[in-house]
Amino acid sequence: MRFEIGAGHVSYFFEAKRRRLSPPRPDVLAVDIRRQLIAQADGRAVAVRLLFSGREVARLDRDWAPGPLRAAITAIHFDPDTRLTLSYLRGASREPVTERLSISVIPRRK
């Protein structure tokens, strides 16, 4: 479920099999239900997290176009082959870039 609040969105996820509800997840950009991953805007980065625990598995820092992160990202989705496809505008020149990234479900160490 996604709720619009003010200038953003908050998403909740429910798993019927185990009857669990995720904490509220703000600024969700993409969801991989099969692997239980979400991509979220986190400041000027995209954080990929485990859906229910919220543990970070990847962090994407790029030379995004100036302005809000959502405006710089033109498309983002998880592919069936477990990769994340990310299209965005790079830098002040707003050059279009597309990347396909392998995302592990193992939380990264800080």
PDB file of N, CA and C in Angstrom:
ATOM      1  N   MET A   1       0.833  -1.163   0.000  1.00  0.00           N
ATOM      2  CA  MET A   1       0.000   0.000   0.000  1.00  0.00           C
ATOM      3  C   MET A   1       0.885   1.234   0.000  1.00  0.00           C
ATOM      4  N   ARG A   2       0.467   2.234  -0.730  1.00  0.00           N
ATOM      5  CA  ARG A   2       1.220   3.476  -0.785  1.00  0.00           C
ATOM      6  C   ARG A   2       0.287   4.609  -0.395  1.00  0.00           C
ATOM      7  N   PHE A   3       0.771   5.454   0.504  1.00  0.00           N
ATOM      8  CA  PHE A   3       0.009   6.605   0.961  1.00  0.00           C
ATOM      9  C   PHE A   3       0.761   7.865   0.599  1.00  0.00           C
ATOM     10  N   GLU A   4       0.048   8.847   0.093  1.00  0.00           N
ATOM     11  CA  GLU A   4       0.664  10.129  -0.228  1.00  0.00           C
ATOM     12  C   GLU A   4       0.539  11.033   0.992  1.00  0.00           C
ATOM     13  N   ILE A   5       1.685  11.568   1.429  1.00  0.00           N
ATOM     14  CA  ILE A   5       1.690  12.479   2.577  1.00  0.00           C
ATOM     15  C   ILE A   5       2.481  13.720   2.189  1.00  0.00           C
ATOM     16  N   GLY A   6       1.837  14.834   2.152  1.00  0.00           N
ATOM     17  CA  GLY A   6       2.537  16.077   1.822  1.00  0.00           C
ATOM     18  C   GLY A   6       3.236  15.978   0.486  1.00  0.00           C
ATOM     19  N   ALA A   7       4.556  16.134   0.493  1.00  0.00           N
ATOM     20  CA  ALA A   7       5.331  16.152  -0.742  1.00  0.00           C
ATOM     21  C   ALA A   7       5.858  14.776  -1.138  1.00  0.00           C
ATOM     22  N   GLY A   8       5.569  13.731  -0.361  1.00  0.00           N
ATOM     23  CA  GLY A   8       6.136  12.421  -0.670  1.00  0.00           C
ATOM     24  C   GLY A   8       5.136  11.299  -0.515  1.00  0.00           C
ATOM     25  N   HIS A   9       5.667  10.085  -0.515  1.00  0.00           N
ATOM     26  CA  HIS A   9       4.867   8.886  -0.364  1.00  0.00           C
ATOM     27  C   HIS A   9       5.462   8.004   0.729  1.00  0.00           C
ATOM     28  N   VAL A  10       4.610   7.260   1.391  1.00  0.00           N
ATOM     29  CA  VAL A  10       5.047   6.251   2.352  1.00  0.00           C
ATOM     30  C   VAL A  10       4.419   4.942   1.912  1.00  0.00           C
ATOM     31  N   SER A  11       5.213   3.877   1.854  1.00  0.00           N
ATOM     32  CA  SER A  11       4.716   2.572   1.434  1.00  0.00           C
ATOM     33  C   SER A  11       4.798   1.585   2.590  1.00  0.00           C
ATOM     34  N   TYR A  12       3.789   0.711   2.660  1.00  0.00           N
ATOM     35  CA  TYR A  12       3.772  -0.397   3.604  1.00  0.00           C
ATOM     36  C   TYR A  12       3.668  -1.677   2.785  1.00  0.00           C
ATOM     37  N   PHE A  13       4.304  -2.739   3.247  1.00  0.00           N
ATOM     38  CA  PHE A  13       4.246  -4.027   2.559  1.00  0.00           C
ATOM     39  C   PHE A  13       3.752  -5.077   3.534  1.00  0.00           C
ATOM     40  N   PHE A  14       2.879  -5.959   3.057  1.00  0.00           N
ATOM     41  CA  PHE A  14       2.286  -6.997   3.893  1.00  0.00           C
ATOM     42  C   PHE A  14       2.578  -8.353   3.273  1.00  0.00           C
ATOM     43  N   GLU A  15       3.065  -9.273   4.087  1.00  0.00           N
ATOM     44  CA  GLU A  15       3.295 -10.644   3.648  1.00  0.00           C
ATOM     45  C   GLU A  15       2.240 -11.514   4.315  1.00  0.00           C
ATOM     46  N   ALA A  16       1.298 -12.023   3.537  1.00  0.00           N
ATOM     47  CA  ALA A  16       0.168 -12.781   4.082  1.00  0.00           C
ATOM     48  C   ALA A  16       0.607 -14.120   4.675  1.00  0.00           C
ATOM     49  N   LYS A  17       1.576 -14.763   4.047  1.00  0.00           N
ATOM     50  CA  LYS A  17       2.009 -16.090   4.505  1.00  0.00           C
ATOM     51  C   LYS A  17       2.505 -16.053   5.948  1.00  0.00           C
ATOM     52  N   ARG A  18       3.312 -15.072   6.260  1.00  0.00           N
ATOM     53  CA  ARG A  18       3.865 -14.958   7.619  1.00  0.00           C
ATOM     54  C   ARG A  18       3.153 -13.902   8.457  1.00  0.00           C
ATOM     55  N   ARG A  19       2.148 -13.277   7.868  1.00  0.00           N
ATOM     56  CA  ARG A  19       1.367 -12.241   8.539  1.00  0.00           C
ATOM     57  C   ARG A  19       2.234 -11.153   9.148  1.00  0.00           C
ATOM     58  N   ARG A  20       3.055 -10.564   8.332  1.00  0.00           N
ATOM     59  CA  ARG A  20       3.874  -9.465   8.832  1.00  0.00           C
ATOM     60  C   ARG A  20       3.698  -8.235   7.965  1.00  0.00           C
ATOM     61  N   LEU A  21       3.819  -7.107   8.615  1.00  0.00           N
ATOM     62  CA  LEU A  21       3.672  -5.805   7.987  1.00  0.00           C
ATOM     63  C   LEU A  21       4.987  -5.057   8.159  1.00  0.00           C
ATOM     64  N   SER A  22       5.470  -4.467   7.077  1.00  0.00           N
ATOM     65  CA  SER A  22       6.728  -3.726   7.158  1.00  0.00           C
ATOM     66  C   SER A  22       6.507  -2.403   7.869  1.00  0.00           C
ATOM     67  N   PRO A  23       7.578  -1.853   8.421  1.00  0.00           N
ATOM     68  CA  PRO A  23       7.494  -0.469   8.912  1.00  0.00           C
ATOM     69  C   PRO A  23       7.245   0.451   7.720  1.00  0.00           C
ATOM     70  N   PRO A  24       6.831   1.682   7.941  1.00  0.00           N
ATOM     71  CA  PRO A  24       6.623   2.601   6.813  1.00  0.00           C
ATOM     72  C   PRO A  24       7.931   2.840   6.070  1.00  0.00           C
ATOM     73  N   ARG A  25       7.873   2.800   4.767  1.00  0.00           N
ATOM     74  CA  ARG A  25       9.062   3.016   3.931  1.00  0.00           C
ATOM     75  C   ARG A  25       8.828   4.239   3.058  1.00  0.00           C
ATOM     76  N   PRO A  26       9.499   5.352   3.371  1.00  0.00           N
ATOM     77  CA  PRO A  26       9.316   6.566   2.559  1.00  0.00           C
ATOM     78  C   PRO A  26      10.095   6.489   1.241  1.00  0.00           C
ATOM     79  N   ASP A  27       9.630   7.210   0.250  1.00  0.00           N
ATOM     80  CA  ASP A  27      10.329   7.411  -1.019  1.00  0.00           C
ATOM     81  C   ASP A  27      10.766   6.121  -1.713  1.00  0.00           C
ATOM     82  N   VAL A  28       9.874   5.138  -1.793  1.00  0.00           N
ATOM     83  CA  VAL A  28      10.180   3.885  -2.482  1.00  0.00           C
ATOM     84  C   VAL A  28      10.148   4.132  -3.986  1.00  0.00           C
ATOM     85  N   LEU A  29      11.236   3.758  -4.661  1.00  0.00           N
ATOM     86  CA  LEU A  29      11.358   3.965  -6.105  1.00  0.00           C
ATOM     87  C   LEU A  29      11.054   2.691  -6.894  1.00  0.00           C
ATOM     88  N   ALA A  30      11.420   1.520  -6.335  1.00  0.00           N
ATOM     89  CA  ALA A  30      11.208   0.244  -7.022  1.00  0.00           C
ATOM     90  C   ALA A  30      11.119  -0.865  -5.979  1.00  0.00           C
ATOM     91  N   VAL A  31      10.436  -1.961  -6.353  1.00  0.00           N
ATOM     92  CA  VAL A  31      10.229  -3.091  -5.440  1.00  0.00           C
ATOM     93  C   VAL A  31      10.504  -4.386  -6.183  1.00  0.00           C
ATOM     94  N   ASP A  32      11.225  -5.302  -5.529  1.00  0.00           N
ATOM     95  CA  ASP A  32      11.416  -6.672  -6.018  1.00  0.00           C
ATOM     96  C   ASP A  32      10.760  -7.582  -4.977  1.00  0.00           C
ATOM     97  N   ILE A  33       9.504  -7.929  -5.213  1.00  0.00           N
ATOM     98  CA  ILE A  33       8.759  -8.730  -4.241  1.00  0.00           C
ATOM     99  C   ILE A  33       9.363 -10.117  -4.093  1.00  0.00           C
ATOM    100  N   ARG A  34       9.812 -10.722  -5.211  1.00  0.00           N
ATOM    101  CA  ARG A  34      10.362 -12.080  -5.157  1.00  0.00           C
ATOM    102  C   ARG A  34      11.572 -12.173  -4.226  1.00  0.00           C
ATOM    103  N   ARG A  35      12.467 -11.195  -4.301  1.00  0.00           N
ATOM    104  CA  ARG A  35      13.654 -11.205  -3.438  1.00  0.00           C
ATOM    105  C   ARG A  35      13.490 -10.305  -2.216  1.00  0.00           C
ATOM    106  N   GLN A  36      12.335  -9.679  -2.074  1.00  0.00           N
ATOM    107  CA  GLN A  36      12.002  -8.803  -0.957  1.00  0.00           C
ATOM    108  C   GLN A  36      13.021  -7.676  -0.785  1.00  0.00           C
ATOM    109  N   LEU A  37      13.204  -6.930  -1.880  1.00  0.00           N
ATOM    110  CA  LEU A  37      14.095  -5.775  -1.891  1.00  0.00           C
ATOM    111  C   LEU A  37      13.315  -4.533  -2.301  1.00  0.00           C
ATOM    112  N   ILE A  38      13.748  -3.398  -1.775  1.00  0.00           N
ATOM    113  CA  ILE A  38      13.198  -2.115  -2.205  1.00  0.00           C
ATOM    114  C   ILE A  38      14.348  -1.167  -2.517  1.00  0.00           C
ATOM    115  N   ALA A  39      14.126  -0.282  -3.464  1.00  0.00           N
ATOM    116  CA  ALA A  39      15.069   0.801  -3.757  1.00  0.00           C
ATOM    117  C   ALA A  39      14.399   2.080  -3.263  1.00  0.00           C
ATOM    118  N   GLN A  40      15.105   2.821  -2.415  1.00  0.00           N
ATOM    119  CA  GLN A  40      14.568   4.043  -1.807  1.00  0.00           C
ATOM    120  C   GLN A  40      15.485   5.216  -2.061  1.00  0.00           C
ATOM    121  N   ALA A  41      14.885   6.380  -2.228  1.00  0.00           N
ATOM    122  CA  ALA A  41      15.673   7.606  -2.255  1.00  0.00           C
ATOM    123  C   ALA A  41      16.122   7.876  -0.824  1.00  0.00           C
ATOM    124  N   ASP A  42      17.420   8.102  -0.663  1.00  0.00           N
ATOM    125  CA  ASP A  42      17.987   8.368   0.666  1.00  0.00           C
ATOM    126  C   ASP A  42      18.922   9.562   0.521  1.00  0.00           C
ATOM    127  N   GLY A  43      18.369  10.752   0.659  1.00  0.00           N
ATOM    128  CA  GLY A  43      19.154  11.961   0.413  1.00  0.00           C
ATOM    129  C   GLY A  43      19.457  12.051  -1.068  1.00  0.00           C
ATOM    130  N   ARG A  44      20.737  12.126  -1.423  1.00  0.00           N
ATOM    131  CA  ARG A  44      21.150  12.179  -2.832  1.00  0.00           C
ATOM    132  C   ARG A  44      21.674  10.832  -3.311  1.00  0.00           C
ATOM    133  N   ALA A  45      21.246   9.746  -2.680  1.00  0.00           N
ATOM    134  CA  ALA A  45      21.650   8.394  -3.066  1.00  0.00           C
ATOM    135  C   ALA A  45      20.415   7.511  -3.154  1.00  0.00           C
ATOM    136  N   VAL A  46      20.587   6.366  -3.811  1.00  0.00           N
ATOM    137  CA  VAL A  46      19.551   5.344  -3.836  1.00  0.00           C
ATOM    138  C   VAL A  46      20.042   4.211  -2.946  1.00  0.00           C
ATOM    139  N   ALA A  47      19.262   3.862  -1.941  1.00  0.00           N
ATOM    140  CA  ALA A  47      19.604   2.764  -1.044  1.00  0.00           C
ATOM    141  C   ALA A  47      18.725   1.572  -1.392  1.00  0.00           C
ATOM    142  N   VAL A  48      19.344   0.405  -1.561  1.00  0.00           N
ATOM    143  CA  VAL A  48      18.599  -0.835  -1.784  1.00  0.00           C
ATOM    144  C   VAL A  48      18.601  -1.574  -0.458  1.00  0.00           C
ATOM    145  N   ARG A  49      17.392  -1.872   0.027  1.00  0.00           N
ATOM    146  CA  ARG A  49      17.251  -2.461   1.360  1.00  0.00           C
ATOM    147  C   ARG A  49      16.384  -3.707   1.323  1.00  0.00           C
ATOM    148  N   LEU A  50      16.569  -4.548   2.348  1.00  0.00           N
ATOM    149  CA  LEU A  50      15.677  -5.685   2.549  1.00  0.00           C
ATOM    150  C   LEU A  50      14.327  -5.139   2.980  1.00  0.00           C
ATOM    151  N   LEU A  51      13.272  -5.681   2.430  1.00  0.00           N
ATOM    152  CA  LEU A  51      11.932  -5.151   2.596  1.00  0.00           C
ATOM    153  C   LEU A  51      11.476  -5.073   4.048  1.00  0.00           C
ATOM    154  N   PHE A  52      11.605  -6.152   4.799  1.00  0.00           N
ATOM    155  CA  PHE A  52      11.050  -6.163   6.148  1.00  0.00           C
ATOM    156  C   PHE A  52      12.043  -5.708   7.224  1.00  0.00           C
ATOM    157  N   SER A  53      13.316  -6.060   7.097  1.00  0.00           N
ATOM    158  CA  SER A  53      14.277  -5.646   8.130  1.00  0.00           C
ATOM    159  C   SER A  53      14.811  -4.240   7.896  1.00  0.00           C
ATOM    160  N   GLY A  54      14.818  -3.777   6.653  1.00  0.00           N
ATOM    161  CA  GLY A  54      15.347  -2.451   6.350  1.00  0.00           C
ATOM    162  C   GLY A  54      16.858  -2.397   6.247  1.00  0.00           C
ATOM    163  N   ARG A  55      17.517  -3.558   6.350  1.00  0.00           N
ATOM    164  CA  ARG A  55      18.987  -3.571   6.257  1.00  0.00           C
ATOM    165  C   ARG A  55      19.434  -3.244   4.839  1.00  0.00           C
ATOM    166  N   GLU A  56      20.431  -2.394   4.740  1.00  0.00           N
ATOM    167  CA  GLU A  56      20.926  -1.937   3.446  1.00  0.00           C
ATOM    168  C   GLU A  56      21.802  -3.006   2.799  1.00  0.00           C
ATOM    169  N   VAL A  57      21.541  -3.315   1.518  1.00  0.00           N
ATOM    170  CA  VAL A  57      22.359  -4.276   0.778  1.00  0.00           C
ATOM    171  C   VAL A  57      23.197  -3.590  -0.298  1.00  0.00           C
ATOM    172  N   ALA A  58      22.808  -2.387  -0.720  1.00  0.00           N
ATOM    173  CA  ALA A  58      23.588  -1.632  -1.706  1.00  0.00           C
ATOM    174  C   ALA A  58      23.246  -0.155  -1.581  1.00  0.00           C
ATOM    175  N   ARG A  59      24.210   0.661  -1.958  1.00  0.00           N
ATOM    176  CA  ARG A  59      24.005   2.112  -1.945  1.00  0.00           C
ATOM    177  C   ARG A  59      24.560   2.658  -3.258  1.00  0.00           C
ATOM    178  N   LEU A  60      23.751   3.409  -3.973  1.00  0.00           N
ATOM    179  CA  LEU A  60      24.147   3.930  -5.275  1.00  0.00           C
ATOM    180  C   LEU A  60      24.300   5.439  -5.204  1.00  0.00           C
ATOM    181  N   ASP A  61      25.535   5.904  -5.264  1.00  0.00           N
ATOM    182  CA  ASP A  61      25.844   7.329  -5.305  1.00  0.00           C
ATOM    183  C   ASP A  61      26.349   7.631  -6.714  1.00  0.00           C
ATOM    184  N   ARG A  62      25.685   8.526  -7.388  1.00  0.00           N
ATOM    185  CA  ARG A  62      26.050   8.877  -8.749  1.00  0.00           C
ATOM    186  C   ARG A  62      26.114  10.394  -8.875  1.00  0.00           C
ATOM    187  N   ASP A  63      26.628  10.847 -10.004  1.00  0.00           N
ATOM    188  CA  ASP A  63      26.637  12.278 -10.314  1.00  0.00           C
ATOM    189  C   ASP A  63      25.276  12.616 -10.921  1.00  0.00           C
ATOM    190  N   TRP A  64      24.249  12.675 -10.049  1.00  0.00           N
ATOM    191  CA  TRP A  64      22.889  12.944 -10.504  1.00  0.00           C
ATOM    192  C   TRP A  64      22.785  14.374 -11.010  1.00  0.00           C
ATOM    193  N   ALA A  65      21.794  14.614 -11.849  1.00  0.00           N
ATOM    194  CA  ALA A  65      21.502  15.977 -12.299  1.00  0.00           C
ATOM    195  C   ALA A  65      21.087  16.810 -11.086  1.00  0.00           C
ATOM    196  N   PRO A  66      21.335  18.124 -11.123  1.00  0.00           N
ATOM    197  CA  PRO A  66      20.930  18.981 -10.007  1.00  0.00           C
ATOM    198  C   PRO A  66      19.413  18.920  -9.788  1.00  0.00           C
ATOM    199  N   GLY A  67      19.016  19.184  -8.568  1.00  0.00           N
ATOM    200  CA  GLY A  67      17.596  19.165  -8.224  1.00  0.00           C
ATOM    201  C   GLY A  67      17.249  17.922  -7.430  1.00  0.00           C
ATOM    202  N   PRO A  68      15.953  17.674  -7.236  1.00  0.00           N
ATOM    203  CA  PRO A  68      15.530  16.509  -6.462  1.00  0.00           C
ATOM    204  C   PRO A  68      15.955  15.203  -7.145  1.00  0.00           C
ATOM    205  N   LEU A  69      16.290  14.205  -6.344  1.00  0.00           N
ATOM    206  CA  LEU A  69      16.737  12.913  -6.870  1.00  0.00           C
ATOM    207  C   LEU A  69      15.672  12.292  -7.771  1.00  0.00           C
ATOM    208  N   ARG A  70      14.406  12.377  -7.372  1.00  0.00           N
ATOM    209  CA  ARG A  70      13.319  11.792  -8.187  1.00  0.00           C
ATOM    210  C   ARG A  70      13.275  12.408  -9.587  1.00  0.00           C
ATOM    211  N   ALA A  71      13.651  13.665  -9.728  1.00  0.00           N
ATOM    212  CA  ALA A  71      13.656  14.317 -11.034  1.00  0.00           C
ATOM    213  C   ALA A  71      14.827  13.835 -11.893  1.00  0.00           C
ATOM    214  N   ALA A  72      15.920  13.426 -11.258  1.00  0.00           N
ATOM    215  CA  ALA A  72      17.093  12.954 -11.999  1.00  0.00           C
ATOM    216  C   ALA A  72      16.922  11.509 -12.470  1.00  0.00           C
ATOM    217  N   ILE A  73      16.137  10.711 -11.758  1.00  0.00           N
ATOM    218  CA  ILE A  73      15.934   9.315 -12.131  1.00  0.00           C
ATOM    219  C   ILE A  73      14.755   9.244 -13.104  1.00  0.00           C
ATOM    220  N   THR A  74      15.042   8.772 -14.314  1.00  0.00           N
ATOM    221  CA  THR A  74      13.991   8.690 -15.333  1.00  0.00           C
ATOM    222  C   THR A  74      13.296   7.332 -15.311  1.00  0.00           C
ATOM    223  N   ALA A  75      13.986   6.275 -14.888  1.00  0.00           N
ATOM    224  CA  ALA A  75      13.381   4.940 -14.780  1.00  0.00           C
ATOM    225  C   ALA A  75      14.223   4.096 -13.831  1.00  0.00           C
ATOM    226  N   ILE A  76      13.548   3.259 -13.060  1.00  0.00           N
ATOM    227  CA  ILE A  76      14.239   2.331 -12.167  1.00  0.00           C
ATOM    228  C   ILE A  76      13.328   1.133 -11.949  1.00  0.00           C
ATOM    229  N   HIS A  77      13.890  -0.072 -12.096  1.00  0.00           N
ATOM    230  CA  HIS A  77      13.101  -1.281 -11.846  1.00  0.00           C
ATOM    231  C   HIS A  77      14.029  -2.475 -11.646  1.00  0.00           C
ATOM    232  N   PHE A  78      13.528  -3.454 -10.905  1.00  0.00           N
ATOM    233  CA  PHE A  78      14.233  -4.713 -10.723  1.00  0.00           C
ATOM    234  C   PHE A  78      13.834  -5.635 -11.869  1.00  0.00           C
ATOM    235  N   ASP A  79      14.807  -6.292 -12.473  1.00  0.00           N
ATOM    236  CA  ASP A  79      14.558  -7.209 -13.577  1.00  0.00           C
ATOM    237  C   ASP A  79      14.423  -8.638 -13.056  1.00  0.00           C
ATOM    238  N   PRO A  80      13.750  -9.519 -13.819  1.00  0.00           N
ATOM    239  CA  PRO A  80      13.607 -10.919 -13.390  1.00  0.00           C
ATOM    240  C   PRO A  80      14.948 -11.638 -13.215  1.00  0.00           C
ATOM    241  N   ASP A  81      16.004 -11.168 -13.884  1.00  0.00           N
ATOM    242  CA  ASP A  81      17.320 -11.811 -13.761  1.00  0.00           C
ATOM    243  C   ASP A  81      18.102 -11.307 -12.544  1.00  0.00           C
ATOM    244  N   THR A  82      17.427 -10.677 -11.601  1.00  0.00           N
ATOM    245  CA  THR A  82      17.949 -10.174 -10.318  1.00  0.00           C
ATOM    246  C   THR A  82      18.787  -8.901 -10.448  1.00  0.00           C
ATOM    247  N   ARG A  83      18.795  -8.277 -11.582  1.00  0.00           N
ATOM    248  CA  ARG A  83      19.532  -7.019 -11.733  1.00  0.00           C
ATOM    249  C   ARG A  83      18.596  -5.834 -11.548  1.00  0.00           C
ATOM    250  N   LEU A  84      19.204  -4.702 -11.266  1.00  0.00           N
ATOM    251  CA  LEU A  84      18.479  -3.446 -11.145  1.00  0.00           C
ATOM    252  C   LEU A  84      18.834  -2.590 -12.357  1.00  0.00           C
ATOM    253  N   THR A  85      17.827  -2.151 -13.084  1.00  0.00           N
ATOM    254  CA  THR A  85      18.048  -1.245 -14.213  1.00  0.00           C
ATOM    255  C   THR A  85      17.737   0.170 -13.741  1.00  0.00           C
ATOM    256  N   LEU A  86      18.706   1.051 -13.924  1.00  0.00           N
ATOM    257  CA  LEU A  86      18.602   2.425 -13.453  1.00  0.00           C
ATOM    258  C   LEU A  86      18.919   3.367 -14.612  1.00  0.00           C
ATOM    259  N   SER A  87      17.978   4.219 -14.963  1.00  0.00           N
ATOM    260  CA  SER A  87      18.196   5.254 -15.978  1.00  0.00           C
ATOM    261  C   SER A  87      18.083   6.604 -15.283  1.00  0.00           C
ATOM    262  N   TYR A  88      19.058   7.464 -15.538  1.00  0.00           N
ATOM    263  CA  TYR A  88      19.072   8.758 -14.859  1.00  0.00           C
ATOM    264  C   TYR A  88      19.754   9.803 -15.713  1.00  0.00           C
ATOM    265  N   LEU A  89      19.632  11.049 -15.310  1.00  0.00           N
ATOM    266  CA  LEU A  89      20.290  12.177 -15.973  1.00  0.00           C
ATOM    267  C   LEU A  89      21.539  12.516 -15.172  1.00  0.00           C
ATOM    268  N   ARG A  90      22.688  12.540 -15.868  1.00  0.00           N
ATOM    269  CA  ARG A  90      23.970  12.744 -15.181  1.00  0.00           C
ATOM    270  C   ARG A  90      24.433  14.191 -15.274  1.00  0.00           C
ATOM    271  N   GLY A  91      24.818  14.721 -14.102  1.00  0.00           N
ATOM    272  CA  GLY A  91      25.463  16.025 -14.029  1.00  0.00           C
ATOM    273  C   GLY A  91      24.635  17.191 -14.531  1.00  0.00           C
ATOM    274  N   ALA A  92      25.294  18.333 -14.582  1.00  0.00           N
ATOM    275  CA  ALA A  92      24.624  19.564 -15.004  1.00  0.00           C
ATOM    276  C   ALA A  92      24.223  19.509 -16.476  1.00  0.00           C
ATOM    277  N   SER A  93      24.932  18.705 -17.281  1.00  0.00           N
ATOM    278  CA  SER A  93      24.586  18.575 -18.700  1.00  0.00           C
ATOM    279  C   SER A  93      23.348  17.713 -18.916  1.00  0.00           C
ATOM    280  N   ARG A  94      22.897  17.005 -17.870  1.00  0.00           N
ATOM    281  CA  ARG A  94      21.708  16.146 -17.899  1.00  0.00           C
ATOM    282  C   ARG A  94      21.804  15.075 -18.986  1.00  0.00           C
ATOM    283  N   GLU A  95      23.008  14.529 -19.124  1.00  0.00           N
ATOM    284  CA  GLU A  95      23.246  13.457 -20.090  1.00  0.00           C
ATOM    285  C   GLU A  95      22.522  12.182 -19.647  1.00  0.00           C
ATOM    286  N   PRO A  96      21.721  11.554 -20.517  1.00  0.00           N
ATOM    287  CA  PRO A  96      21.012  10.336 -20.113  1.00  0.00           C
ATOM    288  C   PRO A  96      21.963   9.140 -20.006  1.00  0.00           C
ATOM    289  N   VAL A  97      21.829   8.373 -18.917  1.00  0.00           N
ATOM    290  CA  VAL A  97      22.672   7.211 -18.656  1.00  0.00           C
ATOM    291  C   VAL A  97      21.768   6.070 -18.201  1.00  0.00           C
ATOM    292  N   THR A  98      22.074   4.851 -18.656  1.00  0.00           N
ATOM    293  CA  THR A  98      21.364   3.660 -18.176  1.00  0.00           C
ATOM    294  C   THR A  98      22.391   2.657 -17.692  1.00  0.00           C
ATOM    295  N   GLU A  99      22.156   2.086 -16.518  1.00  0.00           N
ATOM    296  CA  GLU A  99      23.041   1.077 -15.938  1.00  0.00           C
ATOM    297  C   GLU A  99      22.221  -0.140 -15.552  1.00  0.00           C
ATOM    298  N   ARG A 100      22.825  -1.330 -15.682  1.00  0.00           N
ATOM    299  CA  ARG A 100      22.228  -2.551 -15.146  1.00  0.00           C
ATOM    300  C   ARG A 100      23.186  -3.062 -14.086  1.00  0.00           C
ATOM    301  N   LEU A 101      22.702  -3.193 -12.866  1.00  0.00           N
ATOM    302  CA  LEU A 101      23.549  -3.529 -11.733  1.00  0.00           C
ATOM    303  C   LEU A 101      23.106  -4.833 -11.087  1.00  0.00           C
ATOM    304  N   SER A 102      24.076  -5.664 -10.706  1.00  0.00           N
ATOM    305  CA  SER A 102      23.771  -6.868  -9.943  1.00  0.00           C
ATOM    306  C   SER A 102      23.640  -6.475  -8.483  1.00  0.00           C
ATOM    307  N   ILE A 103      22.551  -6.891  -7.855  1.00  0.00           N
ATOM    308  CA  ILE A 103      22.293  -6.550  -6.460  1.00  0.00           C
ATOM    309  C   ILE A 103      22.211  -7.839  -5.649  1.00  0.00           C
ATOM    310  N   SER A 104      23.071  -7.972  -4.668  1.00  0.00           N
ATOM    311  CA  SER A 104      23.062  -9.127  -3.773  1.00  0.00           C
ATOM    312  C   SER A 104      22.044  -8.903  -2.664  1.00  0.00           C
ATOM    313  N   VAL A 105      21.489  -9.964  -2.125  1.00  0.00           N
ATOM    314  CA  VAL A 105      20.567  -9.813  -1.004  1.00  0.00           C
ATOM    315  C   VAL A 105      21.293  -9.914   0.334  1.00  0.00           C
ATOM    316  N   ILE A 106      22.593 -10.053   0.301  1.00  0.00           N
ATOM    317  CA  ILE A 106      23.383 -10.119   1.529  1.00  0.00           C
ATOM    318  C   ILE A 106      23.670  -8.691   1.985  1.00  0.00           C
ATOM    319  N   PRO A 107      23.273  -8.321   3.213  1.00  0.00           N
ATOM    320  CA  PRO A 107      23.509  -6.952   3.700  1.00  0.00           C
ATOM    321  C   PRO A 107      24.998  -6.606   3.672  1.00  0.00           C
ATOM    322  N   ARG A 108      25.278  -5.373   3.269  1.00  0.00           N
ATOM    323  CA  ARG A 108      26.664  -4.928   3.215  1.00  0.00           C
ATOM    324  C   ARG A 108      27.161  -4.545   4.600  1.00  0.00           C
ATOM    325  N   ARG A 109      28.459  -4.663   4.784  1.00  0.00           N
ATOM    326  CA  ARG A 109      29.061  -4.255   6.066  1.00  0.00           C
ATOM    327  C   ARG A 109      29.372  -2.786   6.034  1.00  0.00           C
ATOM    328  N   LYS A 110      29.193  -2.140   7.174  1.00  0.00           N
ATOM    329  CA  LYS A 110      29.465  -0.704   7.241  1.00  0.00           C
ATOM    330  C   LYS A 110      30.859  -0.444   7.722  1.00  0.00           C
TER     331      LYS A 110
END
